[in-house]
Amino acid sequence: MELVNTPQDVRILQKKGILQSMLSGEEEVALFVNQSCMGVIIPSDHYLADLFRRVNKYCGSRYQRHRAKLSRDYFNNPWSIIALIAATILLCLTILQSFMSVYAYIRPSPSSPSS
């Protein structure tokens, strides 16, 4: 598992003041960080070993990876979330309207007595 996957990860770390770079570009920094962390083994008696294990388990789950990818690729601004909610509501209303039309055809309302 890579620590820094994309140049955008480097930008976020730099913006938060976690990482400062004197290298030429963000891609180069991402490559450097990942190569320098390659083969690092955390001893099991390290005080953060349990935390590392839980984070790796959380990040390695298929659900979390797909959720993160959807969030990053499709829901990165509020308008796309609003559009999804509106589309879901419209779909529910369309299904309800279709059901009511079929139901009215199958079970017509009792006709009123005529004089």
PDB file of N, CA and C in Angstrom:
ATOM      1  N   MET A   1       0.845  -1.174   0.000  1.00  0.00           N
ATOM      2  CA  MET A   1       0.000   0.000   0.000  1.00  0.00           C
ATOM      3  C   MET A   1       0.892   1.239   0.000  1.00  0.00           C
ATOM      4  N   GLU A   2       0.589   2.133  -0.861  1.00  0.00           N
ATOM      5  CA  GLU A   2       1.416   3.326  -0.979  1.00  0.00           C
ATOM      6  C   GLU A   2       0.940   4.407  -0.025  1.00  0.00           C
ATOM      7  N   LEU A   3       1.891   5.125   0.486  1.00  0.00           N
ATOM      8  CA  LEU A   3       1.590   6.186   1.440  1.00  0.00           C
ATOM      9  C   LEU A   3       1.006   7.411   0.736  1.00  0.00           C
ATOM     10  N   VAL A   4       1.609   7.780  -0.368  1.00  0.00           N
ATOM     11  CA  VAL A   4       1.164   8.937  -1.153  1.00  0.00           C
ATOM     12  C   VAL A   4       0.937   8.433  -2.569  1.00  0.00           C
ATOM     13  N   ASN A   5      -0.316   8.416  -3.006  1.00  0.00           N
ATOM     14  CA  ASN A   5      -0.633   7.820  -4.302  1.00  0.00           C
ATOM     15  C   ASN A   5      -0.503   8.776  -5.474  1.00  0.00           C
ATOM     16  N   THR A   6      -0.900  10.014  -5.296  1.00  0.00           N
ATOM     17  CA  THR A   6      -0.961  10.945  -6.423  1.00  0.00           C
ATOM     18  C   THR A   6      -0.310  12.275  -6.056  1.00  0.00           C
ATOM     19  N   PRO A   7      -0.003  13.077  -7.056  1.00  0.00           N
ATOM     20  CA  PRO A   7       0.490  14.433  -6.776  1.00  0.00           C
ATOM     21  C   PRO A   7      -0.508  15.262  -5.967  1.00  0.00           C
ATOM     22  N   GLN A   8      -1.788  14.960  -6.118  1.00  0.00           N
ATOM     23  CA  GLN A   8      -2.801  15.673  -5.334  1.00  0.00           C
ATOM     24  C   GLN A   8      -2.616  15.379  -3.843  1.00  0.00           C
ATOM     25  N   ASP A   9      -2.224  14.143  -3.496  1.00  0.00           N
ATOM     26  CA  ASP A   9      -1.938  13.814  -2.100  1.00  0.00           C
ATOM     27  C   ASP A   9      -0.789  14.659  -1.570  1.00  0.00           C
ATOM     28  N   VAL A  10       0.220  14.860  -2.403  1.00  0.00           N
ATOM     29  CA  VAL A  10       1.363  15.692  -2.012  1.00  0.00           C
ATOM     30  C   VAL A  10       0.905  17.131  -1.781  1.00  0.00           C
ATOM     31  N   ARG A  11       0.043  17.643  -2.678  1.00  0.00           N
ATOM     32  CA  ARG A  11      -0.467  19.009  -2.516  1.00  0.00           C
ATOM     33  C   ARG A  11      -1.239  19.172  -1.209  1.00  0.00           C
ATOM     34  N   ILE A  12      -2.033  18.183  -0.878  1.00  0.00           N
ATOM     35  CA  ILE A  12      -2.802  18.244   0.370  1.00  0.00           C
ATOM     36  C   ILE A  12      -1.862  18.253   1.567  1.00  0.00           C
ATOM     37  N   LEU A  13      -0.853  17.386   1.555  1.00  0.00           N
ATOM     38  CA  LEU A  13       0.104  17.339   2.665  1.00  0.00           C
ATOM     39  C   LEU A  13       0.900  18.641   2.769  1.00  0.00           C
ATOM     40  N   GLN A  14       1.237  19.241   1.650  1.00  0.00           N
ATOM     41  CA  GLN A  14       1.956  20.514   1.665  1.00  0.00           C
ATOM     42  C   GLN A  14       1.050  21.633   2.177  1.00  0.00           C
ATOM     43  N   LYS A  15      -0.212  21.623   1.753  1.00  0.00           N
ATOM     44  CA  LYS A  15      -1.148  22.665   2.171  1.00  0.00           C
ATOM     45  C   LYS A  15      -1.382  22.624   3.681  1.00  0.00           C
ATOM     46  N   LYS A  16      -1.410  21.425   4.256  1.00  0.00           N
ATOM     47  CA  LYS A  16      -1.627  21.263   5.692  1.00  0.00           C
ATOM     48  C   LYS A  16      -0.351  21.471   6.506  1.00  0.00           C
ATOM     49  N   GLY A  17       0.788  21.674   5.824  1.00  0.00           N
ATOM     50  CA  GLY A  17       2.047  21.902   6.525  1.00  0.00           C
ATOM     51  C   GLY A  17       2.710  20.632   7.031  1.00  0.00           C
ATOM     52  N   ILE A  18       2.268  19.478   6.554  1.00  0.00           N
ATOM     53  CA  ILE A  18       2.839  18.205   6.983  1.00  0.00           C
ATOM     54  C   ILE A  18       4.103  17.892   6.200  1.00  0.00           C
ATOM     55  N   LEU A  19       4.154  18.339   4.968  1.00  0.00           N
ATOM     56  CA  LEU A  19       5.253  17.998   4.072  1.00  0.00           C
ATOM     57  C   LEU A  19       5.768  19.262   3.405  1.00  0.00           C
ATOM     58  N   GLN A  20       7.096  19.402   3.399  1.00  0.00           N
ATOM     59  CA  GLN A  20       7.727  20.469   2.632  1.00  0.00           C
ATOM     60  C   GLN A  20       8.681  19.806   1.652  1.00  0.00           C
ATOM     61  N   SER A  21       8.701  20.283   0.441  1.00  0.00           N
ATOM     62  CA  SER A  21       9.500  19.638  -0.581  1.00  0.00           C
ATOM     63  C   SER A  21      10.441  20.626  -1.257  1.00  0.00           C
ATOM     64  N   MET A  22      11.637  20.163  -1.506  1.00  0.00           N
ATOM     65  CA  MET A  22      12.598  20.925  -2.298  1.00  0.00           C
ATOM     66  C   MET A  22      12.816  20.253  -3.657  1.00  0.00           C
ATOM     67  N   LEU A  23      12.016  19.222  -3.946  1.00  0.00           N
ATOM     68  CA  LEU A  23      12.131  18.525  -5.223  1.00  0.00           C
ATOM     69  C   LEU A  23      11.401  19.319  -6.298  1.00  0.00           C
ATOM     70  N   SER A  24      11.581  18.924  -7.546  1.00  0.00           N
ATOM     71  CA  SER A  24      11.073  19.717  -8.666  1.00  0.00           C
ATOM     72  C   SER A  24       9.556  19.666  -8.820  1.00  0.00           C
ATOM     73  N   GLY A  25       8.938  18.544  -8.530  1.00  0.00           N
ATOM     74  CA  GLY A  25       7.499  18.456  -8.755  1.00  0.00           C
ATOM     75  C   GLY A  25       6.831  17.513  -7.783  1.00  0.00           C
ATOM     76  N   GLU A  26       5.512  17.559  -7.772  1.00  0.00           N
ATOM     77  CA  GLU A  26       4.738  16.746  -6.848  1.00  0.00           C
ATOM     78  C   GLU A  26       4.799  15.263  -7.198  1.00  0.00           C
ATOM     79  N   GLU A  27       4.870  14.950  -8.498  1.00  0.00           N
ATOM     80  CA  GLU A  27       4.997  13.545  -8.898  1.00  0.00           C
ATOM     81  C   GLU A  27       6.310  12.959  -8.387  1.00  0.00           C
ATOM     82  N   GLU A  28       7.352  13.743  -8.454  1.00  0.00           N
ATOM     83  CA  GLU A  28       8.655  13.299  -7.972  1.00  0.00           C
ATOM     84  C   GLU A  28       8.633  13.077  -6.461  1.00  0.00           C
ATOM     85  N   VAL A  29       7.934  13.934  -5.738  1.00  0.00           N
ATOM     86  CA  VAL A  29       7.814  13.792  -4.286  1.00  0.00           C
ATOM     87  C   VAL A  29       7.032  12.519  -3.952  1.00  0.00           C
ATOM     88  N   ALA A  30       5.935  12.264  -4.661  1.00  0.00           N
ATOM     89  CA  ALA A  30       5.142  11.058  -4.422  1.00  0.00           C
ATOM     90  C   ALA A  30       5.973   9.810  -4.663  1.00  0.00           C
ATOM     91  N   LEU A  31       6.735   9.806  -5.731  1.00  0.00           N
ATOM     92  CA  LEU A  31       7.597   8.667  -6.039  1.00  0.00           C
ATOM     93  C   LEU A  31       8.674   8.494  -4.969  1.00  0.00           C
ATOM     94  N   PHE A  32       9.287   9.586  -4.524  1.00  0.00           N
ATOM     95  CA  PHE A  32      10.324   9.527  -3.492  1.00  0.00           C
ATOM     96  C   PHE A  32       9.778   8.974  -2.177  1.00  0.00           C
ATOM     97  N   VAL A  33       8.627   9.478  -1.753  1.00  0.00           N
ATOM     98  CA  VAL A  33       8.049   9.024  -0.483  1.00  0.00           C
ATOM     99  C   VAL A  33       7.718   7.543  -0.548  1.00  0.00           C
ATOM    100  N   ASN A  34       7.141   7.104  -1.648  1.00  0.00           N
ATOM    101  CA  ASN A  34       6.771   5.695  -1.762  1.00  0.00           C
ATOM    102  C   ASN A  34       7.993   4.797  -1.847  1.00  0.00           C
ATOM    103  N   GLN A  35       9.047   5.226  -2.522  1.00  0.00           N
ATOM    104  CA  GLN A  35      10.249   4.406  -2.613  1.00  0.00           C
ATOM    105  C   GLN A  35      11.008   4.379  -1.291  1.00  0.00           C
ATOM    106  N   SER A  36      10.994   5.469  -0.548  1.00  0.00           N
ATOM    107  CA  SER A  36      11.721   5.484   0.718  1.00  0.00           C
ATOM    108  C   SER A  36      10.991   4.681   1.797  1.00  0.00           C
ATOM    109  N   CYS A  37       9.688   4.501   1.655  1.00  0.00           N
ATOM    110  CA  CYS A  37       8.923   3.730   2.632  1.00  0.00           C
ATOM    111  C   CYS A  37       8.818   2.257   2.261  1.00  0.00           C
ATOM    112  N   MET A  38       9.359   1.883   1.108  1.00  0.00           N
ATOM    113  CA  MET A  38       9.268   0.513   0.652  1.00  0.00           C
ATOM    114  C   MET A  38      10.103  -0.400   1.563  1.00  0.00           C
ATOM    115  N   GLY A  39       9.515  -1.480   2.003  1.00  0.00           N
ATOM    116  CA  GLY A  39      10.230  -2.456   2.811  1.00  0.00           C
ATOM    117  C   GLY A  39      10.322  -2.104   4.283  1.00  0.00           C
ATOM    118  N   VAL A  40       9.682  -1.045   4.719  1.00  0.00           N
ATOM    119  CA  VAL A  40       9.705  -0.671   6.130  1.00  0.00           C
ATOM    120  C   VAL A  40       8.783  -1.620   6.887  1.00  0.00           C
ATOM    121  N   ILE A  41       9.298  -2.200   7.954  1.00  0.00           N
ATOM    122  CA  ILE A  41       8.516  -3.129   8.770  1.00  0.00           C
ATOM    123  C   ILE A  41       8.360  -2.525  10.158  1.00  0.00           C
ATOM    124  N   ILE A  42       7.137  -2.464  10.622  1.00  0.00           N
ATOM    125  CA  ILE A  42       6.835  -1.930  11.953  1.00  0.00           C
ATOM    126  C   ILE A  42       6.877  -3.103  12.935  1.00  0.00           C
ATOM    127  N   PRO A  43       7.700  -3.022  13.985  1.00  0.00           N
ATOM    128  CA  PRO A  43       7.732  -4.120  14.954  1.00  0.00           C
ATOM    129  C   PRO A  43       6.378  -4.263  15.655  1.00  0.00           C
ATOM    130  N   SER A  44       6.037  -5.490  16.025  1.00  0.00           N
ATOM    131  CA  SER A  44       4.728  -5.743  16.629  1.00  0.00           C
ATOM    132  C   SER A  44       4.600  -5.125  18.020  1.00  0.00           C
ATOM    133  N   ASP A  45       5.727  -4.803  18.670  1.00  0.00           N
ATOM    134  CA  ASP A  45       5.645  -4.196  19.999  1.00  0.00           C
ATOM    135  C   ASP A  45       5.686  -2.669  19.943  1.00  0.00           C
ATOM    136  N   HIS A  46       5.639  -2.093  18.750  1.00  0.00           N
ATOM    137  CA  HIS A  46       5.607  -0.640  18.600  1.00  0.00           C
ATOM    138  C   HIS A  46       4.302  -0.118  19.181  1.00  0.00           C
ATOM    139  N   TYR A  47       4.345   1.036  19.814  1.00  0.00           N
ATOM    140  CA  TYR A  47       3.148   1.548  20.484  1.00  0.00           C
ATOM    141  C   TYR A  47       2.042   1.938  19.513  1.00  0.00           C
ATOM    142  N   LEU A  48       2.349   2.119  18.238  1.00  0.00           N
ATOM    143  CA  LEU A  48       1.322   2.438  17.239  1.00  0.00           C
ATOM    144  C   LEU A  48       1.019   1.256  16.314  1.00  0.00           C
ATOM    145  N   ALA A  49       1.557   0.093  16.612  1.00  0.00           N
ATOM    146  CA  ALA A  49       1.378  -1.067  15.729  1.00  0.00           C
ATOM    147  C   ALA A  49      -0.094  -1.419  15.560  1.00  0.00           C
ATOM    148  N   ASP A  50      -0.866  -1.376  16.637  1.00  0.00           N
ATOM    149  CA  ASP A  50      -2.281  -1.704  16.541  1.00  0.00           C
ATOM    150  C   ASP A  50      -3.022  -0.674  15.691  1.00  0.00           C
ATOM    151  N   LEU A  51      -2.666   0.591  15.847  1.00  0.00           N
ATOM    152  CA  LEU A  51      -3.284   1.643  15.038  1.00  0.00           C
ATOM    153  C   LEU A  51      -2.956   1.443  13.558  1.00  0.00           C
ATOM    154  N   PHE A  52      -1.693   1.138  13.228  1.00  0.00           N
ATOM    155  CA  PHE A  52      -1.301   0.889  11.840  1.00  0.00           C
ATOM    156  C   PHE A  52      -2.081  -0.287  11.262  1.00  0.00           C
ATOM    157  N   ARG A  53      -2.238  -1.346  12.059  1.00  0.00           N
ATOM    158  CA  ARG A  53      -2.953  -2.531  11.600  1.00  0.00           C
ATOM    159  C   ARG A  53      -4.417  -2.188  11.310  1.00  0.00           C
ATOM    160  N   ARG A  54      -5.057  -1.420  12.192  1.00  0.00           N
ATOM    161  CA  ARG A  54      -6.457  -1.051  11.987  1.00  0.00           C
ATOM    162  C   ARG A  54      -6.631  -0.118  10.788  1.00  0.00           C
ATOM    163  N   VAL A  55      -5.710   0.823  10.618  1.00  0.00           N
ATOM    164  CA  VAL A  55      -5.790   1.732   9.461  1.00  0.00           C
ATOM    165  C   VAL A  55      -5.615   0.955   8.165  1.00  0.00           C
ATOM    166  N   ASN A  56      -4.648   0.040   8.126  1.00  0.00           N
ATOM    167  CA  ASN A  56      -4.441  -0.769   6.919  1.00  0.00           C
ATOM    168  C   ASN A  56      -5.649  -1.649   6.628  1.00  0.00           C
ATOM    169  N   LYS A  57      -6.267  -2.195   7.668  1.00  0.00           N
ATOM    170  CA  LYS A  57      -7.458  -3.017   7.475  1.00  0.00           C
ATOM    171  C   LYS A  57      -8.604  -2.167   6.924  1.00  0.00           C
ATOM    172  N   TYR A  58      -8.783  -0.970   7.492  1.00  0.00           N
ATOM    173  CA  TYR A  58      -9.843  -0.065   7.053  1.00  0.00           C
ATOM    174  C   TYR A  58      -9.622   0.367   5.604  1.00  0.00           C
ATOM    175  N   CYS A  59      -8.411   0.788   5.289  1.00  0.00           N
ATOM    176  CA  CYS A  59      -8.119   1.271   3.936  1.00  0.00           C
ATOM    177  C   CYS A  59      -8.079   0.145   2.913  1.00  0.00           C
ATOM    178  N   GLY A  60      -7.810  -1.069   3.364  1.00  0.00           N
ATOM    179  CA  GLY A  60      -7.729  -2.199   2.444  1.00  0.00           C
ATOM    180  C   GLY A  60      -9.070  -2.819   2.116  1.00  0.00           C
ATOM    181  N   SER A  61     -10.119  -2.424   2.846  1.00  0.00           N
ATOM    182  CA  SER A  61     -11.418  -3.034   2.571  1.00  0.00           C
ATOM    183  C   SER A  61     -11.943  -2.556   1.224  1.00  0.00           C
ATOM    184  N   ARG A  62     -12.597  -3.441   0.539  1.00  0.00           N
ATOM    185  CA  ARG A  62     -13.107  -3.149  -0.805  1.00  0.00           C
ATOM    186  C   ARG A  62     -14.133  -2.024  -0.766  1.00  0.00           C
ATOM    187  N   TYR A  63     -15.000  -2.046   0.243  1.00  0.00           N
ATOM    188  CA  TYR A  63     -16.033  -1.020   0.356  1.00  0.00           C
ATOM    189  C   TYR A  63     -15.412   0.367   0.484  1.00  0.00           C
ATOM    190  N   GLN A  64     -14.422   0.518   1.346  1.00  0.00           N
ATOM    191  CA  GLN A  64     -13.803   1.831   1.560  1.00  0.00           C
ATOM    192  C   GLN A  64     -13.074   2.319   0.317  1.00  0.00           C
ATOM    193  N   ARG A  65     -12.412   1.410  -0.394  1.00  0.00           N
ATOM    194  CA  ARG A  65     -11.730   1.824  -1.629  1.00  0.00           C
ATOM    195  C   ARG A  65     -12.717   2.319  -2.671  1.00  0.00           C
ATOM    196  N   HIS A  66     -13.840   1.599  -2.839  1.00  0.00           N
ATOM    197  CA  HIS A  66     -14.845   2.023  -3.818  1.00  0.00           C
ATOM    198  C   HIS A  66     -15.522   3.323  -3.391  1.00  0.00           C
ATOM    199  N   ARG A  67     -15.802   3.459  -2.098  1.00  0.00           N
ATOM    200  CA  ARG A  67     -16.418   4.682  -1.598  1.00  0.00           C
ATOM    201  C   ARG A  67     -15.496   5.887  -1.821  1.00  0.00           C
ATOM    202  N   ALA A  68     -14.210   5.688  -1.558  1.00  0.00           N
ATOM    203  CA  ALA A  68     -13.254   6.780  -1.759  1.00  0.00           C
ATOM    204  C   ALA A  68     -13.133   7.142  -3.242  1.00  0.00           C
ATOM    205  N   LYS A  69     -13.139   6.125  -4.104  1.00  0.00           N
ATOM    206  CA  LYS A  69     -13.042   6.391  -5.543  1.00  0.00           C
ATOM    207  C   LYS A  69     -14.276   7.142  -6.044  1.00  0.00           C
ATOM    208  N   LEU A  70     -15.466   6.716  -5.610  1.00  0.00           N
ATOM    209  CA  LEU A  70     -16.688   7.423  -6.000  1.00  0.00           C
ATOM    210  C   LEU A  70     -16.673   8.857  -5.496  1.00  0.00           C
ATOM    211  N   SER A  71     -16.263   9.019  -4.254  1.00  0.00           N
ATOM    212  CA  SER A  71     -16.221  10.360  -3.669  1.00  0.00           C
ATOM    213  C   SER A  71     -15.239  11.256  -4.411  1.00  0.00           C
ATOM    214  N   ARG A  72     -14.080  10.722  -4.736  1.00  0.00           N
ATOM    215  CA  ARG A  72     -13.046  11.511  -5.414  1.00  0.00           C
ATOM    216  C   ARG A  72     -13.418  11.816  -6.863  1.00  0.00           C
ATOM    217  N   ASP A  73     -13.971  10.824  -7.579  1.00  0.00           N
ATOM    218  CA  ASP A  73     -14.202  10.981  -9.010  1.00  0.00           C
ATOM    219  C   ASP A  73     -15.547  11.623  -9.356  1.00  0.00           C
ATOM    220  N   TYR A  74     -16.596  11.320  -8.585  1.00  0.00           N
ATOM    221  CA  TYR A  74     -17.927  11.746  -8.990  1.00  0.00           C
ATOM    222  C   TYR A  74     -18.598  12.731  -8.041  1.00  0.00           C
ATOM    223  N   PHE A  75     -18.246  12.716  -6.781  1.00  0.00           N
ATOM    224  CA  PHE A  75     -18.935  13.563  -5.816  1.00  0.00           C
ATOM    225  C   PHE A  75     -17.981  14.555  -5.165  1.00  0.00           C
ATOM    226  N   ASN A  76     -17.155  15.180  -5.963  1.00  0.00           N
ATOM    227  CA  ASN A  76     -16.164  16.108  -5.416  1.00  0.00           C
ATOM    228  C   ASN A  76     -16.692  17.534  -5.271  1.00  0.00           C
ATOM    229  N   ASN A  77     -17.926  17.772  -5.693  1.00  0.00           N
ATOM    230  CA  ASN A  77     -18.517  19.094  -5.449  1.00  0.00           C
ATOM    231  C   ASN A  77     -19.970  18.928  -5.030  1.00  0.00           C
ATOM    232  N   PRO A  78     -20.528  19.913  -4.357  1.00  0.00           N
ATOM    233  CA  PRO A  78     -21.889  19.767  -3.826  1.00  0.00           C
ATOM    234  C   PRO A  78     -22.968  19.657  -4.903  1.00  0.00           C
ATOM    235  N   TRP A  79     -22.720  20.186  -6.087  1.00  0.00           N
ATOM    236  CA  TRP A  79     -23.743  20.129  -7.134  1.00  0.00           C
ATOM    237  C   TRP A  79     -23.991  18.705  -7.605  1.00  0.00           C
ATOM    238  N   SER A  80     -22.965  17.902  -7.653  1.00  0.00           N
ATOM    239  CA  SER A  80     -23.170  16.517  -8.083  1.00  0.00           C
ATOM    240  C   SER A  80     -23.967  15.744  -7.036  1.00  0.00           C
ATOM    241  N   ILE A  81     -23.764  16.055  -5.771  1.00  0.00           N
ATOM    242  CA  ILE A  81     -24.536  15.403  -4.706  1.00  0.00           C
ATOM    243  C   ILE A  81     -25.999  15.848  -4.776  1.00  0.00           C
ATOM    244  N   ILE A  82     -26.220  17.149  -4.998  1.00  0.00           N
ATOM    245  CA  ILE A  82     -27.586  17.669  -5.129  1.00  0.00           C
ATOM    246  C   ILE A  82     -28.272  17.043  -6.341  1.00  0.00           C
ATOM    247  N   ALA A  83     -27.548  16.893  -7.438  1.00  0.00           N
ATOM    248  CA  ALA A  83     -28.117  16.279  -8.644  1.00  0.00           C
ATOM    249  C   ALA A  83     -28.482  14.815  -8.380  1.00  0.00           C
ATOM    250  N   LEU A  84     -27.655  14.097  -7.631  1.00  0.00           N
ATOM    251  CA  LEU A  84     -27.965  12.701  -7.306  1.00  0.00           C
ATOM    252  C   LEU A  84     -29.226  12.611  -6.449  1.00  0.00           C
ATOM    253  N   ILE A  85     -29.349  13.483  -5.469  1.00  0.00           N
ATOM    254  CA  ILE A  85     -30.538  13.478  -4.605  1.00  0.00           C
ATOM    255  C   ILE A  85     -31.783  13.809  -5.417  1.00  0.00           C
ATOM    256  N   ALA A  86     -31.699  14.817  -6.287  1.00  0.00           N
ATOM    257  CA  ALA A  86     -32.844  15.189  -7.123  1.00  0.00           C
ATOM    258  C   ALA A  86     -33.225  14.053  -8.067  1.00  0.00           C
ATOM    259  N   ALA A  87     -32.244  13.409  -8.667  1.00  0.00           N
ATOM    260  CA  ALA A  87     -32.524  12.295  -9.580  1.00  0.00           C
ATOM    261  C   ALA A  87     -33.158  11.125  -8.825  1.00  0.00           C
ATOM    262  N   THR A  88     -32.705  10.870  -7.610  1.00  0.00           N
ATOM    263  CA  THR A  88     -33.280   9.788  -6.807  1.00  0.00           C
ATOM    264  C   THR A  88     -34.730  10.090  -6.450  1.00  0.00           C
ATOM    265  N   ILE A  89     -35.007  11.319  -6.061  1.00  0.00           N
ATOM    266  CA  ILE A  89     -36.386  11.705  -5.734  1.00  0.00           C
ATOM    267  C   ILE A  89     -37.279  11.589  -6.963  1.00  0.00           C
ATOM    268  N   LEU A  90     -36.800  12.067  -8.112  1.00  0.00           N
ATOM    269  CA  LEU A  90     -37.599  11.968  -9.342  1.00  0.00           C
ATOM    270  C   LEU A  90     -37.848  10.516  -9.740  1.00  0.00           C
ATOM    271  N   LEU A  91     -36.856   9.663  -9.564  1.00  0.00           N
ATOM    272  CA  LEU A  91     -37.027   8.245  -9.876  1.00  0.00           C
ATOM    273  C   LEU A  91     -38.071   7.617  -8.960  1.00  0.00           C
ATOM    274  N   CYS A  92     -38.022   7.936  -7.673  1.00  0.00           N
ATOM    275  CA  CYS A  92     -39.013   7.414  -6.723  1.00  0.00           C
ATOM    276  C   CYS A  92     -40.415   7.896  -7.072  1.00  0.00           C
ATOM    277  N   LEU A  93     -40.542   9.160  -7.416  1.00  0.00           N
ATOM    278  CA  LEU A  93     -41.855   9.692  -7.798  1.00  0.00           C
ATOM    279  C   LEU A  93     -42.370   9.053  -9.088  1.00  0.00           C
ATOM    280  N   THR A  94     -41.490   8.787 -10.037  1.00  0.00           N
ATOM    281  CA  THR A  94     -41.886   8.132 -11.292  1.00  0.00           C
ATOM    282  C   THR A  94     -42.364   6.713 -11.026  1.00  0.00           C
ATOM    283  N   ILE A  95     -41.648   5.999 -10.162  1.00  0.00           N
ATOM    284  CA  ILE A  95     -42.058   4.642  -9.812  1.00  0.00           C
ATOM    285  C   ILE A  95     -43.409   4.666  -9.098  1.00  0.00           C
ATOM    286  N   LEU A  96     -43.594   5.622  -8.190  1.00  0.00           N
ATOM    287  CA  LEU A  96     -44.864   5.747  -7.480  1.00  0.00           C
ATOM    288  C   LEU A  96     -46.004   6.064  -8.447  1.00  0.00           C
ATOM    289  N   GLN A  97     -45.758   6.960  -9.390  1.00  0.00           N
ATOM    290  CA  GLN A  97     -46.784   7.301 -10.367  1.00  0.00           C
ATOM    291  C   GLN A  97     -47.139   6.096 -11.226  1.00  0.00           C
ATOM    292  N   SER A  98     -46.144   5.331 -11.645  1.00  0.00           N
ATOM    293  CA  SER A  98     -46.398   4.131 -12.445  1.00  0.00           C
ATOM    294  C   SER A  98     -47.211   3.118 -11.656  1.00  0.00           C
ATOM    295  N   PHE A  99     -46.850   2.927 -10.396  1.00  0.00           N
ATOM    296  CA  PHE A  99     -47.582   1.991  -9.548  1.00  0.00           C
ATOM    297  C   PHE A  99     -49.034   2.428  -9.392  1.00  0.00           C
ATOM    298  N   MET A 100     -49.242   3.704  -9.129  1.00  0.00           N
ATOM    299  CA  MET A 100     -50.610   4.197  -8.935  1.00  0.00           C
ATOM    300  C   MET A 100     -51.436   4.075 -10.218  1.00  0.00           C
ATOM    301  N   SER A 101     -50.826   4.270 -11.371  1.00  0.00           N
ATOM    302  CA  SER A 101     -51.546   4.124 -12.641  1.00  0.00           C
ATOM    303  C   SER A 101     -51.975   2.674 -12.852  1.00  0.00           C
ATOM    304  N   VAL A 102     -51.072   1.752 -12.595  1.00  0.00           N
ATOM    305  CA  VAL A 102     -51.399   0.328 -12.746  1.00  0.00           C
ATOM    306  C   VAL A 102     -52.445  -0.073 -11.712  1.00  0.00           C
ATOM    307  N   TYR A 103     -52.303   0.391 -10.499  1.00  0.00           N
ATOM    308  CA  TYR A 103     -53.241   0.062  -9.428  1.00  0.00           C
ATOM    309  C   TYR A 103     -54.643   0.595  -9.753  1.00  0.00           C
ATOM    310  N   ALA A 104     -54.729   1.802 -10.291  1.00  0.00           N
ATOM    311  CA  ALA A 104     -56.030   2.376 -10.657  1.00  0.00           C
ATOM    312  C   ALA A 104     -56.667   1.592 -11.804  1.00  0.00           C
ATOM    313  N   TYR A 105     -55.869   1.041 -12.682  1.00  0.00           N
ATOM    314  CA  TYR A 105     -56.398   0.252 -13.792  1.00  0.00           C
ATOM    315  C   TYR A 105     -56.906  -1.097 -13.286  1.00  0.00           C
ATOM    316  N   ILE A 106     -56.146  -1.719 -12.384  1.00  0.00           N
ATOM    317  CA  ILE A 106     -56.523  -3.045 -11.874  1.00  0.00           C
ATOM    318  C   ILE A 106     -57.704  -2.947 -10.910  1.00  0.00           C
ATOM    319  N   ARG A 107     -57.702  -1.982 -10.039  1.00  0.00           N
ATOM    320  CA  ARG A 107     -58.766  -1.812  -9.044  1.00  0.00           C
ATOM    321  C   ARG A 107     -59.402  -0.441  -9.209  1.00  0.00           C
ATOM    322  N   PRO A 108     -60.331  -0.304 -10.112  1.00  0.00           N
ATOM    323  CA  PRO A 108     -60.966   1.013 -10.302  1.00  0.00           C
ATOM    324  C   PRO A 108     -61.792   1.377  -9.075  1.00  0.00           C
ATOM    325  N   SER A 109     -61.956   2.644  -8.872  1.00  0.00           N
ATOM    326  CA  SER A 109     -62.745   3.109  -7.739  1.00  0.00           C
ATOM    327  C   SER A 109     -64.217   2.767  -7.975  1.00  0.00           C
ATOM    328  N   PRO A 110     -64.935   2.503  -6.890  1.00  0.00           N
ATOM    329  CA  PRO A 110     -66.360   2.174  -7.080  1.00  0.00           C
ATOM    330  C   PRO A 110     -67.113   3.344  -7.727  1.00  0.00           C
ATOM    331  N   SER A 111     -67.921   3.040  -8.683  1.00  0.00           N
ATOM    332  CA  SER A 111     -68.649   4.112  -9.363  1.00  0.00           C
ATOM    333  C   SER A 111     -69.795   4.596  -8.493  1.00  0.00           C
ATOM    334  N   SER A 112     -70.038   5.852  -8.573  1.00  0.00           N
ATOM    335  CA  SER A 112     -71.116   6.436  -7.774  1.00  0.00           C
ATOM    336  C   SER A 112     -72.454   6.058  -8.384  1.00  0.00           C
ATOM    337  N   PRO A 113     -73.485   5.879  -7.542  1.00  0.00           N
ATOM    338  CA  PRO A 113     -74.805   5.516  -8.072  1.00  0.00           C
ATOM    339  C   PRO A 113     -75.410   6.660  -8.901  1.00  0.00           C
ATOM    340  N   SER A 114     -75.947   6.300 -10.014  1.00  0.00           N
ATOM    341  CA  SER A 114     -76.554   7.327 -10.864  1.00  0.00           C
ATOM    342  C   SER A 114     -78.059   7.340 -10.653  1.00  0.00           C
ATOM    343  N   SER A 115     -78.672   8.487 -10.788  1.00  0.00           N
ATOM    344  CA  SER A 115     -80.109   8.582 -10.552  1.00  0.00           C
ATOM    345  C   SER A 115     -80.904   8.576 -11.809  1.00  0.00           C
TER     346      SER A 115
END
